[in-house]
């Protein structure tokens, strides 16, 4: 869970890094989708979790409630 603006910025940066790495994996194995999917699974899980945390934090900021 993101608790402050510093953690929010860190999470956004990590999200972009993971998305870039996932893209690289899929570009590296275009003809072997199973291998690309398998190698990218960890990144995809992190991306999903970071997106959920970022979305939650952004909603809390918009409503000015405690996080």
C-alpha atoms as a PDB file:
ATOM      1  CA  UNK A   1       0.000   0.000   0.000  1.00  0.00           C
ATOM      2  CA  UNK A   2       1.244   3.444  -0.923  1.00  0.00           C
ATOM      3  CA  UNK A   3       1.305   5.770   2.078  1.00  0.00           C
ATOM      4  CA  UNK A   4       2.820   9.020   0.803  1.00  0.00           C
ATOM      5  CA  UNK A   5       3.844  10.954  -2.290  1.00  0.00           C
ATOM      6  CA  UNK A   6       7.400   9.582  -2.226  1.00  0.00           C
ATOM      7  CA  UNK A   7       6.133   6.008  -2.326  1.00  0.00           C
ATOM      8  CA  UNK A   8       3.674   7.008  -5.041  1.00  0.00           C
ATOM      9  CA  UNK A   9       6.455   8.357  -7.259  1.00  0.00           C
ATOM     10  CA  UNK A  10       8.558   5.248  -6.613  1.00  0.00           C
ATOM     11  CA  UNK A  11       5.622   2.984  -7.504  1.00  0.00           C
ATOM     12  CA  UNK A  12       4.949   4.904 -10.733  1.00  0.00           C
ATOM     13  CA  UNK A  13       8.616   4.603 -11.744  1.00  0.00           C
ATOM     14  CA  UNK A  14       8.674   0.887 -10.955  1.00  0.00           C
ATOM     15  CA  UNK A  15       5.478   0.389 -12.932  1.00  0.00           C
ATOM     16  CA  UNK A  16       7.063   1.972 -16.003  1.00  0.00           C
ATOM     17  CA  UNK A  17      10.221  -0.138 -15.557  1.00  0.00           C
ATOM     18  CA  UNK A  18       8.233  -3.371 -15.300  1.00  0.00           C
ATOM     19  CA  UNK A  19       6.105  -2.474 -18.331  1.00  0.00           C
ATOM     20  CA  UNK A  20       9.248  -1.789 -20.380  1.00  0.00           C
ATOM     21  CA  UNK A  21      10.824  -5.070 -19.280  1.00  0.00           C
ATOM     22  CA  UNK A  22       7.661  -6.996 -20.136  1.00  0.00           C
ATOM     23  CA  UNK A  23       7.628  -5.425 -23.594  1.00  0.00           C
ATOM     24  CA  UNK A  24      11.283  -6.405 -24.100  1.00  0.00           C
ATOM     25  CA  UNK A  25      10.514 -10.007 -23.156  1.00  0.00           C
ATOM     26  CA  UNK A  26       7.640 -10.202 -25.635  1.00  0.00           C
ATOM     27  CA  UNK A  27       9.777  -8.625 -28.354  1.00  0.00           C
ATOM     28  CA  UNK A  28      12.602 -11.068 -27.653  1.00  0.00           C
ATOM     29  CA  UNK A  29      10.356 -14.124 -28.079  1.00  0.00           C
ATOM     30  CA  UNK A  30       7.786 -13.108 -30.718  1.00  0.00           C
ATOM     31  CA  UNK A  31       7.484 -16.592 -32.184  1.00  0.00           C
ATOM     32  CA  UNK A  32       7.334 -18.394 -28.835  1.00  0.00           C
ATOM     33  CA  UNK A  33       4.394 -16.875 -26.988  1.00  0.00           C
ATOM     34  CA  UNK A  34       4.454 -19.560 -24.296  1.00  0.00           C
ATOM     35  CA  UNK A  35       8.031 -18.724 -23.374  1.00  0.00           C
ATOM     36  CA  UNK A  36       7.329 -14.985 -23.427  1.00  0.00           C
ATOM     37  CA  UNK A  37       4.276 -15.471 -21.241  1.00  0.00           C
ATOM     38  CA  UNK A  38       6.138 -17.670 -18.799  1.00  0.00           C
ATOM     39  CA  UNK A  39       9.112 -15.312 -18.524  1.00  0.00           C
ATOM     40  CA  UNK A  40       6.856 -12.283 -18.188  1.00  0.00           C
ATOM     41  CA  UNK A  41       4.528 -13.728 -15.555  1.00  0.00           C
ATOM     42  CA  UNK A  42       6.380 -12.210 -12.591  1.00  0.00           C
ATOM     43  CA  UNK A  43       6.473  -8.802 -14.239  1.00  0.00           C
ATOM     44  CA  UNK A  44       2.775  -9.031 -15.038  1.00  0.00           C
ATOM     45  CA  UNK A  45       1.934  -9.847 -11.421  1.00  0.00           C
ATOM     46  CA  UNK A  46       3.957  -6.861 -10.195  1.00  0.00           C
ATOM     47  CA  UNK A  47       2.360  -4.590 -12.810  1.00  0.00           C
ATOM     48  CA  UNK A  48      -1.121  -5.662 -11.759  1.00  0.00           C
ATOM     49  CA  UNK A  49      -0.382  -5.057  -8.073  1.00  0.00           C
ATOM     50  CA  UNK A  50       1.295  -1.699  -8.672  1.00  0.00           C
ATOM     51  CA  UNK A  51      -1.596  -0.495 -10.827  1.00  0.00           C
ATOM     52  CA  UNK A  52      -4.075  -1.424  -8.099  1.00  0.00           C
ATOM     53  CA  UNK A  53      -2.021   0.338  -5.413  1.00  0.00           C
ATOM     54  CA  UNK A  54      -1.532   3.439  -7.553  1.00  0.00           C
ATOM     55  CA  UNK A  55      -5.234   3.603  -8.413  1.00  0.00           C
ATOM     56  CA  UNK A  56      -6.182   3.248  -4.739  1.00  0.00           C
ATOM     57  CA  UNK A  57      -3.773   6.009  -3.697  1.00  0.00           C
ATOM     58  CA  UNK A  58      -4.956   8.347  -6.459  1.00  0.00           C
ATOM     59  CA  UNK A  59      -8.584   7.867  -5.417  1.00  0.00           C
ATOM     60  CA  UNK A  60      -7.687   8.591  -1.796  1.00  0.00           C
ATOM     61  CA  UNK A  61      -5.828  11.758  -2.792  1.00  0.00           C
ATOM     62  CA  UNK A  62      -8.793  12.964  -4.866  1.00  0.00           C
ATOM     63  CA  UNK A  63     -11.158  12.500  -1.949  1.00  0.00           C
ATOM     64  CA  UNK A  64      -8.652  13.976   0.553  1.00  0.00           C
ATOM     65  CA  UNK A  65      -8.956  11.078   2.953  1.00  0.00           C
ATOM     66  CA  UNK A  66      -6.256   9.427   4.986  1.00  0.00           C
ATOM     67  CA  UNK A  67      -4.304   6.649   3.289  1.00  0.00           C
END
